[in-house]
């Protein structure tokens, strides 16, 4: 799979994933592990990861077709709107606020 992502800064301005050889690498988990949050199955739990570029990968429930975005927000066809439980994001934020 070839990774292509876009950043704020204009339509079609691509982020350069060439340093990954098209495969971003997870550096660390932000927040607590699913087992520490009471998830019964590791493959059925949201998560937040920091990538080797400093960007983030988020596992959440795809809500692209369910949530109406405000007028000043939009997404490309390759992007998804995901829902992550508040406690997962707050735990990730706590890790970020202690320094990156």
C-alpha atoms as a PDB file:
ATOM      1  CA  UNK A   1       0.000   0.000   0.000  1.00  0.00           C
ATOM      2  CA  UNK A   2       1.398   3.379  -0.926  1.00  0.00           C
ATOM      3  CA  UNK A   3       0.955   6.014   1.758  1.00  0.00           C
ATOM      4  CA  UNK A   4      -0.293   9.389   0.589  1.00  0.00           C
ATOM      5  CA  UNK A   5      -1.419  12.036   3.035  1.00  0.00           C
ATOM      6  CA  UNK A   6      -2.323  15.673   2.751  1.00  0.00           C
ATOM      7  CA  UNK A   7      -1.663  18.478   5.162  1.00  0.00           C
ATOM      8  CA  UNK A   8      -3.356  21.796   5.749  1.00  0.00           C
ATOM      9  CA  UNK A   9      -1.712  24.254   3.438  1.00  0.00           C
ATOM     10  CA  UNK A  10      -3.677  24.024   0.278  1.00  0.00           C
ATOM     11  CA  UNK A  11      -5.554  21.574  -1.839  1.00  0.00           C
ATOM     12  CA  UNK A  12      -3.291  18.833  -3.080  1.00  0.00           C
ATOM     13  CA  UNK A  13      -0.263  19.726  -0.950  1.00  0.00           C
ATOM     14  CA  UNK A  14       1.081  16.278  -0.147  1.00  0.00           C
ATOM     15  CA  UNK A  15       3.044  15.290   2.934  1.00  0.00           C
ATOM     16  CA  UNK A  16       6.319  13.658   1.947  1.00  0.00           C
ATOM     17  CA  UNK A  17       6.313  10.025   3.054  1.00  0.00           C
ATOM     18  CA  UNK A  18       9.472   9.232   1.080  1.00  0.00           C
ATOM     19  CA  UNK A  19      11.535   9.041   4.269  1.00  0.00           C
ATOM     20  CA  UNK A  20       9.387   6.066   5.253  1.00  0.00           C
ATOM     21  CA  UNK A  21       9.868   4.236   1.969  1.00  0.00           C
ATOM     22  CA  UNK A  22       6.069   4.473   1.923  1.00  0.00           C
ATOM     23  CA  UNK A  23       5.728   2.677   5.267  1.00  0.00           C
ATOM     24  CA  UNK A  24       5.437   4.868   8.392  1.00  0.00           C
ATOM     25  CA  UNK A  25       6.822   3.311  11.565  1.00  0.00           C
ATOM     26  CA  UNK A  26       5.223   3.460  15.001  1.00  0.00           C
ATOM     27  CA  UNK A  27       7.620   4.884  17.587  1.00  0.00           C
ATOM     28  CA  UNK A  28       5.429   4.616  20.677  1.00  0.00           C
ATOM     29  CA  UNK A  29       1.920   4.281  22.011  1.00  0.00           C
ATOM     30  CA  UNK A  30       0.435   7.402  23.573  1.00  0.00           C
ATOM     31  CA  UNK A  31      -1.725   6.736  26.594  1.00  0.00           C
ATOM     32  CA  UNK A  32      -2.424   3.365  28.104  1.00  0.00           C
ATOM     33  CA  UNK A  33      -2.461  -0.057  26.466  1.00  0.00           C
ATOM     34  CA  UNK A  34      -5.885  -1.522  25.622  1.00  0.00           C
ATOM     35  CA  UNK A  35      -5.486  -4.205  28.315  1.00  0.00           C
ATOM     36  CA  UNK A  36      -4.983  -1.469  30.929  1.00  0.00           C
ATOM     37  CA  UNK A  37      -8.219   0.186  29.799  1.00  0.00           C
ATOM     38  CA  UNK A  38     -10.276  -2.964  30.255  1.00  0.00           C
ATOM     39  CA  UNK A  39     -10.501  -3.976  26.606  1.00  0.00           C
ATOM     40  CA  UNK A  40     -11.178  -7.671  26.413  1.00  0.00           C
ATOM     41  CA  UNK A  41      -9.616  -8.030  22.966  1.00  0.00           C
ATOM     42  CA  UNK A  42      -6.532  -6.177  21.709  1.00  0.00           C
ATOM     43  CA  UNK A  43      -7.963  -6.055  18.176  1.00  0.00           C
ATOM     44  CA  UNK A  44     -11.155  -4.353  19.345  1.00  0.00           C
ATOM     45  CA  UNK A  45      -9.869  -1.237  21.076  1.00  0.00           C
ATOM     46  CA  UNK A  46      -9.036   2.325  19.973  1.00  0.00           C
ATOM     47  CA  UNK A  47      -5.436   3.458  20.235  1.00  0.00           C
ATOM     48  CA  UNK A  48      -3.126   6.419  19.528  1.00  0.00           C
ATOM     49  CA  UNK A  49       0.435   6.078  18.237  1.00  0.00           C
ATOM     50  CA  UNK A  50       3.260   8.473  17.424  1.00  0.00           C
ATOM     51  CA  UNK A  51       4.996   7.834  14.099  1.00  0.00           C
ATOM     52  CA  UNK A  52       8.682   8.283  13.366  1.00  0.00           C
ATOM     53  CA  UNK A  53       7.894  11.588  11.615  1.00  0.00           C
ATOM     54  CA  UNK A  54       6.169  13.022  14.684  1.00  0.00           C
ATOM     55  CA  UNK A  55       2.758  12.534  13.041  1.00  0.00           C
ATOM     56  CA  UNK A  56       0.101  10.376  14.687  1.00  0.00           C
ATOM     57  CA  UNK A  57      -1.843   7.250  13.764  1.00  0.00           C
ATOM     58  CA  UNK A  58      -5.224   6.781  15.412  1.00  0.00           C
ATOM     59  CA  UNK A  59      -7.337   3.640  15.595  1.00  0.00           C
ATOM     60  CA  UNK A  60     -10.977   4.497  16.138  1.00  0.00           C
ATOM     61  CA  UNK A  61     -14.464   3.752  14.905  1.00  0.00           C
ATOM     62  CA  UNK A  62     -15.036   4.948  11.338  1.00  0.00           C
ATOM     63  CA  UNK A  63     -17.814   7.522  11.552  1.00  0.00           C
ATOM     64  CA  UNK A  64     -17.215   9.140   8.158  1.00  0.00           C
ATOM     65  CA  UNK A  65     -20.745   8.515   6.938  1.00  0.00           C
ATOM     66  CA  UNK A  66     -22.393   9.340  10.283  1.00  0.00           C
ATOM     67  CA  UNK A  67     -20.941  12.672  11.390  1.00  0.00           C
ATOM     68  CA  UNK A  68     -21.712  15.891   9.557  1.00  0.00           C
ATOM     69  CA  UNK A  69     -18.649  18.135   9.453  1.00  0.00           C
ATOM     70  CA  UNK A  70     -18.968  21.883  10.048  1.00  0.00           C
ATOM     71  CA  UNK A  71     -18.922  24.111   6.981  1.00  0.00           C
ATOM     72  CA  UNK A  72     -15.301  25.137   7.459  1.00  0.00           C
ATOM     73  CA  UNK A  73     -14.025  21.529   7.645  1.00  0.00           C
ATOM     74  CA  UNK A  74     -13.594  18.980   4.933  1.00  0.00           C
ATOM     75  CA  UNK A  75     -11.860  15.736   4.111  1.00  0.00           C
ATOM     76  CA  UNK A  76     -10.349  14.158   1.050  1.00  0.00           C
ATOM     77  CA  UNK A  77     -11.591  10.866  -0.316  1.00  0.00           C
ATOM     78  CA  UNK A  78      -8.683   9.024   1.333  1.00  0.00           C
ATOM     79  CA  UNK A  79      -9.405  10.495   4.784  1.00  0.00           C
ATOM     80  CA  UNK A  80     -11.793   9.125   7.404  1.00  0.00           C
ATOM     81  CA  UNK A  81     -13.513  10.682  10.402  1.00  0.00           C
ATOM     82  CA  UNK A  82     -12.875   8.446  13.406  1.00  0.00           C
ATOM     83  CA  UNK A  83     -14.369   8.487  16.876  1.00  0.00           C
ATOM     84  CA  UNK A  84     -12.063   7.810  19.808  1.00  0.00           C
ATOM     85  CA  UNK A  85     -13.326   7.571  23.397  1.00  0.00           C
ATOM     86  CA  UNK A  86     -12.504  10.618  25.485  1.00  0.00           C
ATOM     87  CA  UNK A  87     -10.441   8.640  28.023  1.00  0.00           C
ATOM     88  CA  UNK A  88      -8.184   7.297  25.236  1.00  0.00           C
ATOM     89  CA  UNK A  89      -7.454  10.761  23.851  1.00  0.00           C
ATOM     90  CA  UNK A  90      -6.973  12.297  27.299  1.00  0.00           C
ATOM     91  CA  UNK A  91      -4.450   9.580  28.198  1.00  0.00           C
ATOM     92  CA  UNK A  92      -2.606  10.256  24.940  1.00  0.00           C
ATOM     93  CA  UNK A  93      -2.655  13.984  25.674  1.00  0.00           C
ATOM     94  CA  UNK A  94      -1.180  13.360  29.123  1.00  0.00           C
ATOM     95  CA  UNK A  95       1.776  11.590  27.497  1.00  0.00           C
ATOM     96  CA  UNK A  96       2.225  14.462  25.045  1.00  0.00           C
ATOM     97  CA  UNK A  97       2.052  17.136  27.741  1.00  0.00           C
ATOM     98  CA  UNK A  98       5.000  15.465  29.516  1.00  0.00           C
ATOM     99  CA  UNK A  99       7.164  16.105  26.472  1.00  0.00           C
ATOM    100  CA  UNK A 100       7.750  14.454  23.195  1.00  0.00           C
END
